[in-house]
N, C-alpha and C. Protein backbone atom coordinates (compact mmCIF):
# COMPACT_ATOMS: atom_id res chain seq x y z
N MET A 1 191.99 87.16 -211.32
CA MET A 1 191.49 86.20 -211.02
C MET A 1 190.32 87.22 -210.34
N ALA A 2 190.51 88.26 -209.42
CA ALA A 2 189.28 88.68 -208.80
C ALA A 2 187.99 88.94 -209.81
N ILE A 3 188.05 89.03 -210.81
CA ILE A 3 186.94 88.84 -211.91
C ILE A 3 186.72 87.89 -211.59
N PHE A 4 186.99 86.62 -211.86
CA PHE A 4 186.35 85.46 -211.77
C PHE A 4 185.74 85.19 -210.36
N SER A 5 186.46 85.53 -209.23
CA SER A 5 185.54 85.39 -208.12
C SER A 5 184.43 86.47 -207.83
N SER A 6 184.61 87.43 -208.56
CA SER A 6 183.60 88.12 -208.52
C SER A 6 182.26 87.91 -209.33
N SER A 7 182.63 87.25 -210.38
CA SER A 7 181.50 86.26 -211.24
C SER A 7 181.09 85.40 -210.65
N ARG A 8 181.60 84.72 -210.09
CA ARG A 8 181.11 83.47 -209.09
C ARG A 8 180.16 83.98 -207.85
N PHE A 9 180.23 84.84 -207.40
CA PHE A 9 179.67 85.19 -206.35
C PHE A 9 178.55 85.71 -206.76
N THR A 10 178.52 86.69 -207.66
CA THR A 10 177.46 86.76 -208.53
C THR A 10 176.24 86.26 -208.96
N PHE A 11 176.98 84.81 -209.39
CA PHE A 11 175.97 83.55 -210.12
C PHE A 11 175.82 83.07 -209.31
N PHE A 12 176.72 82.82 -207.79
CA PHE A 12 175.90 82.11 -206.90
C PHE A 12 175.15 82.87 -205.87
N PHE A 13 174.70 84.16 -205.72
CA PHE A 13 174.09 85.01 -205.21
C PHE A 13 172.49 84.95 -206.04
N PHE A 14 172.72 85.39 -207.58
CA PHE A 14 171.76 85.10 -208.29
C PHE A 14 170.60 83.94 -208.00
N ALA A 15 171.43 82.90 -208.43
CA ALA A 15 170.99 81.39 -207.69
C ALA A 15 170.59 81.38 -206.58
N SER A 16 170.95 81.46 -205.62
CA SER A 16 170.41 81.50 -204.45
C SER A 16 169.04 82.43 -204.02
N SER A 17 169.20 83.73 -204.81
CA SER A 17 167.94 84.47 -204.90
C SER A 17 166.65 83.78 -205.66
N LEU A 18 167.36 83.11 -206.62
CA LEU A 18 166.14 82.48 -207.66
C LEU A 18 165.36 81.49 -206.62
N LEU A 19 166.01 80.94 -205.63
CA LEU A 19 165.64 79.61 -205.09
C LEU A 19 164.34 79.97 -203.60
N ILE A 20 165.13 81.16 -203.35
CA ILE A 20 164.38 81.82 -202.30
C ILE A 20 163.05 82.52 -202.68
N ILE A 21 163.19 83.48 -203.70
CA ILE A 21 162.02 83.66 -204.72
C ILE A 21 160.56 82.48 -204.73
N GLN A 22 161.70 81.27 -205.37
CA GLN A 22 160.96 80.45 -205.66
C GLN A 22 159.67 79.76 -204.95
N ALA A 23 161.15 79.57 -203.75
CA ALA A 23 160.28 78.74 -202.09
C ALA A 23 158.81 79.79 -201.74
N THR A 24 159.38 80.74 -201.78
CA THR A 24 158.33 82.20 -200.99
C THR A 24 157.18 82.26 -202.04
N LEU A 25 157.54 82.23 -203.19
CA LEU A 25 156.10 82.21 -204.27
C LEU A 25 155.91 81.24 -204.93
N GLY A 26 156.00 80.08 -204.09
CA GLY A 26 156.17 78.96 -204.70
C GLY A 26 154.41 78.18 -205.00
N GLU A 27 154.40 77.28 -206.08
CA GLU A 27 153.18 77.27 -206.47
C GLU A 27 152.91 76.39 -205.64
N LEU A 28 150.95 75.64 -205.27
CA LEU A 28 150.23 74.85 -204.61
C LEU A 28 150.11 73.58 -205.55
N VAL A 29 150.52 72.54 -205.69
CA VAL A 29 150.53 71.63 -206.11
C VAL A 29 150.09 70.47 -205.49
N CYS A 30 148.71 70.03 -206.15
CA CYS A 30 148.06 69.31 -205.17
C CYS A 30 148.83 67.90 -204.84
N GLU A 31 149.99 66.94 -205.89
CA GLU A 31 150.34 66.05 -205.51
C GLU A 31 151.20 66.17 -204.55
N GLU A 32 151.37 67.09 -204.43
CA GLU A 32 152.91 67.54 -203.10
C GLU A 32 152.08 68.03 -202.34
N LEU A 33 150.52 67.72 -202.20
CA LEU A 33 150.03 67.81 -200.30
C LEU A 33 150.18 66.75 -199.78
N ALA A 34 150.34 66.66 -198.60
CA ALA A 34 150.19 66.32 -197.47
C ALA A 34 148.29 65.45 -197.39
N LYS A 35 148.36 63.88 -196.96
CA LYS A 35 147.01 63.37 -197.40
C LYS A 35 145.89 64.20 -196.35
N ASP A 36 146.26 65.04 -194.90
CA ASP A 36 145.66 66.12 -194.29
C ASP A 36 145.20 66.94 -194.65
N GLU A 37 146.15 67.62 -195.77
CA GLU A 37 145.93 68.93 -196.62
C GLU A 37 145.16 68.59 -197.88
N CYS A 38 144.78 67.53 -198.79
CA CYS A 38 144.48 67.55 -199.76
C CYS A 38 143.00 67.36 -200.09
N ALA A 39 142.05 67.13 -199.26
CA ALA A 39 140.70 67.58 -199.49
C ALA A 39 140.24 69.05 -199.49
N PHE A 40 139.52 69.43 -199.98
CA PHE A 40 139.09 70.63 -200.58
C PHE A 40 140.21 72.00 -199.95
N ALA A 41 141.25 71.40 -200.82
CA ALA A 41 142.36 72.24 -201.56
C ALA A 41 142.30 73.22 -202.77
N ILE A 42 142.95 74.06 -203.32
CA ILE A 42 142.62 74.50 -204.77
C ILE A 42 144.21 74.65 -204.96
N ASP A 43 145.09 74.01 -206.02
CA ASP A 43 145.96 74.58 -206.73
C ASP A 43 146.36 75.95 -207.41
N SER A 44 147.29 76.23 -207.61
CA SER A 44 147.84 77.53 -208.13
C SER A 44 147.28 77.78 -209.17
N ALA A 45 146.34 77.04 -210.22
CA ALA A 45 145.56 77.33 -211.29
C ALA A 45 144.87 77.21 -211.16
N GLY A 46 143.83 76.87 -210.05
CA GLY A 46 142.68 76.84 -208.90
C GLY A 46 141.67 76.21 -209.51
N LYS A 47 142.40 74.55 -209.97
CA LYS A 47 141.86 73.17 -209.51
C LYS A 47 141.78 72.89 -208.32
N ARG A 48 140.57 71.95 -208.49
CA ARG A 48 140.41 71.47 -206.67
C ARG A 48 141.26 70.30 -206.78
N CYS A 49 141.97 69.65 -205.85
CA CYS A 49 142.58 68.88 -205.11
C CYS A 49 141.57 67.76 -204.85
N VAL A 50 141.77 66.40 -204.81
CA VAL A 50 141.13 65.15 -204.82
C VAL A 50 142.03 63.89 -204.13
N LEU A 51 141.79 63.63 -202.99
CA LEU A 51 142.19 62.44 -202.50
C LEU A 51 142.16 61.18 -203.00
N GLU A 52 143.07 60.15 -203.35
CA GLU A 52 142.20 59.33 -204.09
C GLU A 52 143.18 58.31 -203.45
N TYR A 53 142.68 56.98 -203.24
CA TYR A 53 143.40 55.85 -202.73
C TYR A 53 143.32 54.74 -203.74
N TYR A 54 144.66 53.62 -203.57
CA TYR A 54 144.81 52.87 -204.20
C TYR A 54 145.48 51.89 -203.22
N VAL A 55 145.61 50.34 -203.83
CA VAL A 55 146.04 48.98 -203.04
C VAL A 55 147.11 48.95 -203.42
N LYS A 56 148.29 48.93 -202.74
CA LYS A 56 149.71 48.06 -203.19
C LYS A 56 149.34 46.72 -203.66
N LYS A 57 150.49 46.08 -203.55
CA LYS A 57 150.56 44.85 -204.08
C LYS A 57 150.29 43.96 -202.52
N ARG A 58 150.93 44.48 -201.80
CA ARG A 58 150.64 43.72 -200.56
C ARG A 58 149.24 43.71 -199.41
N GLY A 59 148.37 44.85 -200.31
CA GLY A 59 146.90 44.67 -199.68
C GLY A 59 147.16 46.24 -198.95
N LYS A 60 148.53 46.77 -198.76
CA LYS A 60 148.34 48.12 -198.24
C LYS A 60 147.79 49.29 -198.81
N THR A 61 147.14 49.91 -197.90
CA THR A 61 146.14 51.20 -199.25
C THR A 61 146.93 52.50 -198.86
N GLU A 62 147.72 53.14 -199.64
CA GLU A 62 148.27 54.27 -199.83
C GLU A 62 147.51 55.36 -200.77
N TYR A 63 147.37 56.71 -199.86
CA TYR A 63 146.54 57.80 -200.19
C TYR A 63 147.40 58.80 -201.08
N GLN A 64 147.06 59.54 -202.30
CA GLN A 64 147.93 60.18 -202.88
C GLN A 64 146.52 61.71 -203.34
N CYS A 65 147.39 62.57 -202.97
CA CYS A 65 146.67 63.59 -203.68
C CYS A 65 146.60 63.97 -205.26
N ARG A 66 145.58 64.23 -205.64
CA ARG A 66 145.24 64.63 -207.68
C ARG A 66 144.83 65.59 -207.78
N THR A 67 145.24 66.25 -208.80
CA THR A 67 144.51 67.63 -209.27
C THR A 67 143.21 66.76 -210.19
N SER A 68 142.02 67.46 -209.83
CA SER A 68 141.06 67.27 -210.90
C SER A 68 140.91 67.91 -211.80
N GLU A 69 140.01 68.07 -212.32
CA GLU A 69 139.91 68.76 -213.66
C GLU A 69 138.68 69.89 -213.45
N VAL A 70 138.56 69.94 -211.94
CA VAL A 70 136.88 70.49 -211.93
C VAL A 70 138.00 72.14 -211.18
N VAL A 71 137.15 73.49 -212.46
CA VAL A 71 138.15 74.52 -211.93
C VAL A 71 137.31 75.30 -210.74
N VAL A 72 137.29 76.11 -210.17
CA VAL A 72 137.39 77.07 -209.21
C VAL A 72 137.36 78.47 -209.55
N GLU A 73 136.78 79.26 -210.24
CA GLU A 73 136.59 80.76 -210.45
C GLU A 73 136.97 81.39 -209.14
N GLY A 74 137.58 82.53 -209.22
CA GLY A 74 138.20 83.29 -208.49
C GLY A 74 139.03 83.12 -207.11
N MET A 75 139.46 81.32 -206.96
CA MET A 75 139.95 80.58 -205.88
C MET A 75 141.06 80.50 -206.42
N SER A 76 142.43 80.30 -205.75
CA SER A 76 143.63 79.48 -205.71
C SER A 76 144.61 79.19 -204.80
N GLU A 77 145.42 78.41 -204.60
CA GLU A 77 146.44 78.31 -203.93
C GLU A 77 145.96 78.67 -202.36
N TYR A 78 144.75 77.38 -202.54
CA TYR A 78 143.92 77.26 -200.77
C TYR A 78 143.90 76.33 -200.58
N ILE A 79 143.82 76.27 -199.23
CA ILE A 79 144.46 74.97 -198.23
C ILE A 79 142.90 75.34 -197.48
N GLU A 80 142.29 74.43 -197.22
CA GLU A 80 140.53 75.00 -196.43
C GLU A 80 141.57 74.67 -194.73
N THR A 81 140.70 75.96 -194.03
CA THR A 81 141.06 75.55 -192.55
C THR A 81 140.43 74.67 -191.65
N ASP A 82 140.75 74.58 -190.62
CA ASP A 82 140.22 73.61 -190.00
C ASP A 82 138.91 73.77 -189.66
N ASP A 83 138.93 75.09 -188.88
CA ASP A 83 137.57 75.93 -188.86
C ASP A 83 136.52 75.42 -189.61
N CYS A 84 136.83 75.78 -190.97
CA CYS A 84 135.54 75.44 -191.84
C CYS A 84 135.19 74.06 -191.85
N VAL A 85 136.29 72.85 -191.80
CA VAL A 85 136.39 72.04 -192.08
C VAL A 85 135.10 71.37 -191.16
N GLN A 86 135.66 71.86 -189.61
CA GLN A 86 134.61 71.23 -188.27
C GLN A 86 133.41 72.23 -188.76
N ALA A 87 133.05 73.48 -189.36
CA ALA A 87 132.19 74.17 -189.31
C ALA A 87 131.28 73.61 -189.88
N CYS A 88 131.47 73.08 -191.25
CA CYS A 88 130.76 72.56 -192.24
C CYS A 88 130.32 70.87 -192.41
N GLY A 89 131.43 70.16 -191.55
CA GLY A 89 130.77 68.77 -191.22
C GLY A 89 131.47 67.85 -192.02
N VAL A 90 132.49 68.50 -192.74
CA VAL A 90 133.41 67.52 -193.89
C VAL A 90 134.45 66.55 -193.30
N ASP A 91 135.13 66.16 -194.02
CA ASP A 91 136.39 64.91 -193.64
C ASP A 91 136.96 65.44 -194.51
N ARG A 92 138.48 65.73 -194.08
CA ARG A 92 139.73 65.72 -194.39
C ARG A 92 140.25 64.83 -195.01
N ASN A 93 139.41 63.44 -195.11
CA ASN A 93 139.90 62.18 -195.43
C ASN A 93 138.97 61.57 -196.47
N MET A 94 138.22 62.42 -196.92
CA MET A 94 137.06 62.30 -198.23
C MET A 94 137.70 61.98 -199.27
N VAL A 95 137.52 60.49 -199.75
CA VAL A 95 138.25 60.01 -200.99
C VAL A 95 136.87 60.35 -202.11
N GLY A 96 137.78 61.35 -203.05
CA GLY A 96 136.83 61.33 -204.11
C GLY A 96 135.75 62.61 -203.46
N ILE A 97 134.87 62.86 -204.73
CA ILE A 97 134.26 64.03 -204.68
C ILE A 97 132.50 63.64 -204.93
N SER A 98 131.68 63.70 -204.07
CA SER A 98 130.54 62.76 -203.95
C SER A 98 129.46 64.08 -203.60
N SER A 99 128.06 63.62 -203.98
CA SER A 99 126.78 64.09 -203.67
C SER A 99 125.97 63.32 -202.16
N ASP A 100 126.35 62.70 -202.07
CA ASP A 100 125.92 61.74 -201.11
C ASP A 100 125.49 62.39 -200.18
N ALA A 101 126.90 63.16 -199.43
CA ALA A 101 126.07 63.79 -197.95
C ALA A 101 125.02 64.63 -197.80
N LEU A 102 124.67 65.17 -199.10
CA LEU A 102 123.53 66.32 -199.10
C LEU A 102 122.67 65.60 -198.09
N LEU A 103 122.36 63.97 -198.25
CA LEU A 103 121.04 63.64 -198.18
C LEU A 103 121.01 63.20 -196.37
N ASP A 104 122.28 63.29 -196.10
CA ASP A 104 122.28 63.61 -194.54
C ASP A 104 121.65 64.42 -193.76
N PRO A 105 121.03 64.57 -192.93
CA PRO A 105 120.27 65.75 -192.68
C PRO A 105 121.21 66.22 -191.76
N ARG A 106 122.09 65.35 -191.02
CA ARG A 106 122.97 66.24 -189.96
C ARG A 106 124.16 66.86 -190.81
N PHE A 107 124.52 66.45 -191.51
CA PHE A 107 125.39 67.17 -193.11
C PHE A 107 125.06 68.51 -193.62
N THR A 108 123.62 68.39 -193.51
CA THR A 108 123.21 69.67 -194.56
C THR A 108 122.58 70.56 -193.37
N ALA A 109 122.42 70.35 -192.22
CA ALA A 109 122.38 71.23 -191.11
C ALA A 109 123.45 72.38 -191.03
N LYS A 110 124.62 71.06 -190.56
CA LYS A 110 126.06 71.76 -190.79
C LYS A 110 126.12 72.92 -191.83
N LEU A 111 126.41 72.09 -192.78
CA LEU A 111 126.58 73.00 -194.01
C LEU A 111 125.92 74.39 -194.09
N CYS A 112 124.57 73.79 -193.96
CA CYS A 112 123.25 75.59 -194.00
C CYS A 112 123.57 76.29 -192.95
N SER A 113 124.43 75.96 -192.03
CA SER A 113 124.60 76.86 -190.53
C SER A 113 125.45 78.10 -191.07
N PRO A 114 124.95 79.30 -190.20
CA PRO A 114 125.88 80.55 -190.40
C PRO A 114 127.47 80.75 -190.39
N SER A 115 127.83 79.44 -189.45
CA SER A 115 128.68 79.60 -189.29
C SER A 115 129.83 78.81 -190.15
N CYS A 116 129.26 77.65 -191.28
CA CYS A 116 129.65 77.64 -192.69
C CYS A 116 129.53 78.21 -193.91
N SER A 117 127.87 78.43 -194.13
CA SER A 117 128.00 79.27 -195.00
C SER A 117 128.27 80.76 -195.07
N GLN A 118 128.85 81.40 -194.01
CA GLN A 118 129.12 82.84 -194.02
C GLN A 118 130.35 82.66 -194.14
N ASN A 119 131.42 81.59 -193.39
CA ASN A 119 132.62 81.68 -193.25
C ASN A 119 133.51 80.96 -194.30
N CYS A 120 133.25 79.99 -195.14
CA CYS A 120 133.77 78.75 -195.77
C CYS A 120 133.28 79.09 -197.64
N PRO A 121 133.82 79.66 -198.23
CA PRO A 121 133.11 80.00 -199.46
C PRO A 121 133.44 78.75 -200.23
N ASN A 122 134.55 78.19 -199.95
CA ASN A 122 135.58 76.88 -200.47
C ASN A 122 134.43 76.16 -200.67
N ILE A 123 133.94 75.43 -199.52
CA ILE A 123 133.28 74.56 -199.35
C ILE A 123 131.95 74.59 -199.56
N LEU A 124 131.75 76.03 -199.72
CA LEU A 124 129.97 76.64 -199.89
C LEU A 124 130.04 76.15 -201.36
N ASP A 125 130.78 76.48 -201.88
CA ASP A 125 130.96 76.36 -203.40
C ASP A 125 131.19 75.05 -204.04
N LEU A 126 131.92 73.93 -203.59
CA LEU A 126 132.07 72.61 -203.72
C LEU A 126 130.75 72.28 -203.68
N SER A 127 129.88 72.46 -202.54
CA SER A 127 128.33 71.84 -202.10
C SER A 127 127.67 72.41 -203.11
N PHE A 128 127.79 73.70 -203.64
CA PHE A 128 126.79 74.29 -204.29
C PHE A 128 126.66 73.56 -205.65
N ASN A 129 128.25 73.57 -205.86
CA ASN A 129 128.38 72.93 -207.35
C ASN A 129 127.45 71.27 -207.45
N LEU A 130 127.80 70.79 -206.29
CA LEU A 130 127.39 69.12 -206.37
C LEU A 130 125.99 69.13 -206.01
N ALA A 131 125.65 70.11 -205.71
CA ALA A 131 123.92 70.33 -205.47
C ALA A 131 123.65 70.42 -206.65
N ALA A 132 123.98 71.19 -207.66
CA ALA A 132 123.34 71.62 -209.08
C ALA A 132 123.57 70.54 -209.98
N GLY A 133 124.98 69.83 -209.49
CA GLY A 133 125.10 68.48 -210.46
C GLY A 133 123.65 67.21 -209.83
N GLU A 134 122.75 67.49 -208.80
CA GLU A 134 121.87 66.49 -208.57
C GLU A 134 120.54 67.04 -208.89
N GLY A 135 120.41 68.67 -209.77
CA GLY A 135 119.28 69.34 -209.76
C GLY A 135 118.45 70.00 -208.76
N VAL A 136 119.49 70.11 -207.63
CA VAL A 136 119.09 70.56 -206.59
C VAL A 136 119.60 72.43 -206.27
N PHE A 137 119.15 73.21 -205.83
CA PHE A 137 119.60 74.23 -205.58
C PHE A 137 120.17 74.72 -204.37
N LEU A 138 121.06 74.81 -203.79
CA LEU A 138 121.58 74.54 -202.65
C LEU A 138 121.07 75.68 -201.41
N PRO A 139 120.62 77.14 -201.79
CA PRO A 139 119.81 77.97 -200.80
C PRO A 139 118.33 77.19 -200.57
N ASP A 140 118.05 77.14 -201.91
CA ASP A 140 116.40 76.36 -201.43
C ASP A 140 116.62 75.37 -200.55
N LEU A 141 117.40 74.40 -200.51
CA LEU A 141 117.76 73.45 -199.82
C LEU A 141 118.08 73.62 -198.43
N CYS A 142 118.91 74.81 -197.94
CA CYS A 142 118.86 75.25 -196.66
C CYS A 142 117.93 75.53 -196.29
N GLU A 143 117.06 76.51 -197.07
CA GLU A 143 115.97 77.35 -196.83
C GLU A 143 114.90 76.07 -195.98
N LYS A 144 114.68 75.25 -197.06
CA LYS A 144 113.52 74.38 -196.16
C LYS A 144 114.58 73.18 -195.34
N GLN A 145 115.72 73.39 -195.34
CA GLN A 145 116.20 72.64 -193.99
C GLN A 145 116.39 73.20 -192.70
N ARG A 146 116.21 75.09 -192.75
CA ARG A 146 115.67 75.55 -191.47
C ARG A 146 114.69 75.61 -191.16
N SER A 147 113.93 75.54 -192.33
CA SER A 147 112.42 75.60 -191.75
C SER A 147 111.64 74.17 -191.39
N ASN A 148 112.26 73.31 -191.70
CA ASN A 148 111.53 71.91 -191.67
C ASN A 148 112.38 70.67 -192.11
N PRO A 149 113.21 70.07 -191.38
CA PRO A 149 114.74 69.66 -192.08
C PRO A 149 114.00 68.20 -192.58
N ARG A 150 113.33 67.68 -192.08
CA ARG A 150 112.52 66.14 -192.35
C ARG A 150 112.04 66.79 -193.53
N ARG A 151 111.35 67.57 -193.65
CA ARG A 151 110.46 67.76 -194.79
C ARG A 151 111.80 68.24 -196.32
N ALA A 152 112.61 68.73 -195.61
CA ALA A 152 113.81 68.70 -197.00
C ALA A 152 114.27 67.98 -197.39
N MET A 153 114.42 66.95 -196.43
CA MET A 153 115.16 65.53 -196.68
C MET A 153 114.29 64.41 -197.71
N ALA A 154 112.86 64.84 -197.30
CA ALA A 154 111.70 63.94 -197.72
C ALA A 154 111.46 64.51 -199.26
N GLU A 155 111.58 65.20 -199.56
CA GLU A 155 111.23 66.60 -200.46
C GLU A 155 112.40 65.91 -201.77
N LEU A 156 113.86 66.33 -201.22
CA LEU A 156 115.42 65.85 -201.83
C LEU A 156 114.91 64.26 -202.50
N LEU A 157 114.91 63.20 -201.22
CA LEU A 157 114.77 62.38 -201.83
C LEU A 157 113.23 61.58 -202.62
N SER A 158 112.56 62.31 -202.47
CA SER A 158 111.13 61.74 -203.16
C SER A 158 111.07 62.81 -204.48
N SER A 159 111.81 64.05 -204.83
CA SER A 159 112.07 64.52 -205.80
C SER A 159 112.91 63.70 -207.21
N GLY A 160 113.87 62.76 -206.69
CA GLY A 160 114.50 62.15 -207.90
C GLY A 160 115.89 62.31 -208.13
N ALA A 161 116.30 64.03 -207.39
CA ALA A 161 117.30 64.74 -207.73
C ALA A 161 118.65 63.69 -207.19
N ALA A 162 118.44 63.30 -205.80
CA ALA A 162 119.54 62.53 -205.42
C ALA A 162 119.94 61.08 -206.64
N SER A 163 118.71 60.42 -206.87
CA SER A 163 119.33 59.49 -207.79
C SER A 163 119.85 59.87 -208.97
N GLY A 164 119.48 61.17 -209.65
CA GLY A 164 119.85 61.16 -211.19
C GLY A 164 118.82 62.27 -211.80
N PRO A 165 117.84 61.62 -211.95
CA PRO A 165 116.51 62.35 -212.67
C PRO A 165 116.36 63.77 -212.35
N VAL A 166 115.85 64.57 -212.75
CA VAL A 166 115.26 66.06 -212.65
C VAL A 166 114.46 65.68 -211.82
N ALA A 167 114.09 66.74 -210.59
CA ALA A 167 113.18 66.67 -209.83
C ALA A 167 112.39 67.27 -210.41
N GLU A 168 111.07 66.85 -209.70
CA GLU A 168 109.42 67.51 -210.07
C GLU A 168 109.56 68.64 -208.95
N ASP A 169 109.99 69.00 -207.44
CA ASP A 169 109.64 69.95 -207.13
C ASP A 169 110.45 71.21 -207.45
N LYS A 170 109.93 72.11 -208.42
CA LYS A 170 110.37 73.14 -208.88
C LYS A 170 111.28 74.27 -207.70
N SER A 171 110.80 74.21 -206.71
CA SER A 171 111.24 74.88 -205.59
C SER A 171 112.64 74.59 -205.20
N LEU A 172 112.77 73.38 -205.84
CA LEU A 172 114.46 72.74 -205.26
C LEU A 172 115.15 72.82 -206.54
N VAL A 173 114.97 73.24 -207.68
CA VAL A 173 115.33 72.69 -208.96
C VAL A 173 115.93 74.18 -209.43
N ASN A 174 117.17 74.21 -210.00
CA ASN A 174 117.64 75.36 -210.91
C ASN A 174 117.90 74.84 -212.15
N VAL A 175 117.19 74.86 -213.35
CA VAL A 175 117.58 74.40 -214.50
C VAL A 175 118.87 74.94 -215.38
N ASP A 176 119.34 76.34 -214.90
CA ASP A 176 120.40 76.44 -215.00
C ASP A 176 120.95 77.29 -213.91
N PRO A 177 121.80 76.58 -213.25
CA PRO A 177 122.84 76.83 -212.21
C PRO A 177 123.55 77.57 -212.53
N PRO A 178 124.05 78.89 -211.47
CA PRO A 178 124.98 79.68 -211.60
C PRO A 178 126.33 78.77 -211.55
N ALA A 179 127.11 79.77 -212.21
CA ALA A 179 128.83 79.23 -212.28
C ALA A 179 129.50 78.88 -210.76
N ALA A 180 128.78 80.17 -210.01
CA ALA A 180 129.68 80.19 -208.59
C ALA A 180 128.63 80.10 -207.36
N ALA A 181 128.67 79.57 -206.60
CA ALA A 181 127.75 79.45 -205.59
C ALA A 181 127.70 80.84 -204.86
N PRO A 182 126.25 81.44 -205.04
CA PRO A 182 126.26 82.50 -204.19
C PRO A 182 126.22 82.81 -202.75
N ALA A 183 126.52 83.93 -202.17
CA ALA A 183 126.21 84.22 -200.62
C ALA A 183 124.83 84.66 -200.77
N PHE A 184 124.41 83.04 -199.86
CA PHE A 184 123.08 83.27 -199.75
C PHE A 184 122.31 83.10 -198.58
N LEU A 185 123.11 83.20 -197.50
CA LEU A 185 122.91 83.08 -196.02
C LEU A 185 123.25 84.40 -195.51
């Protein structure tokens, strides 16, 4: 009888230890994140989390955090800090991922500010890749934004980069964008 209770104790202890270890080393899963943690988070596999919404039958909007197919090299299990969200001018309630914000000079000014560009590599990486997808090299855009914000936005709009075609201004274009955002400021 003593052997049976000893075996039971050992099993219970082992099972409890596994649960504690799993909780301690738990994986970050996008679908388990709350709405206010989702945007700008990266799961355990290095994939970006994206906030999506859907309308229920009675017209109520529900939000769901989902795993995107966008992989972030060198980062995983990361939830963006409130300091970076504020410094970079992004919104935790942002639904989806879009490059439209790059057209807003106030957003670009915050994104290119030292408090964002030197301290928030996750948001910078995302913005760098979104800009590259539009044919814009973010370090060049930030340099132009610092020297002449109105001209930077005018060039971005007139280049056609924001609407999809390849930009004619070669100083804003990077034909072969790097895989990860450089530390450029």
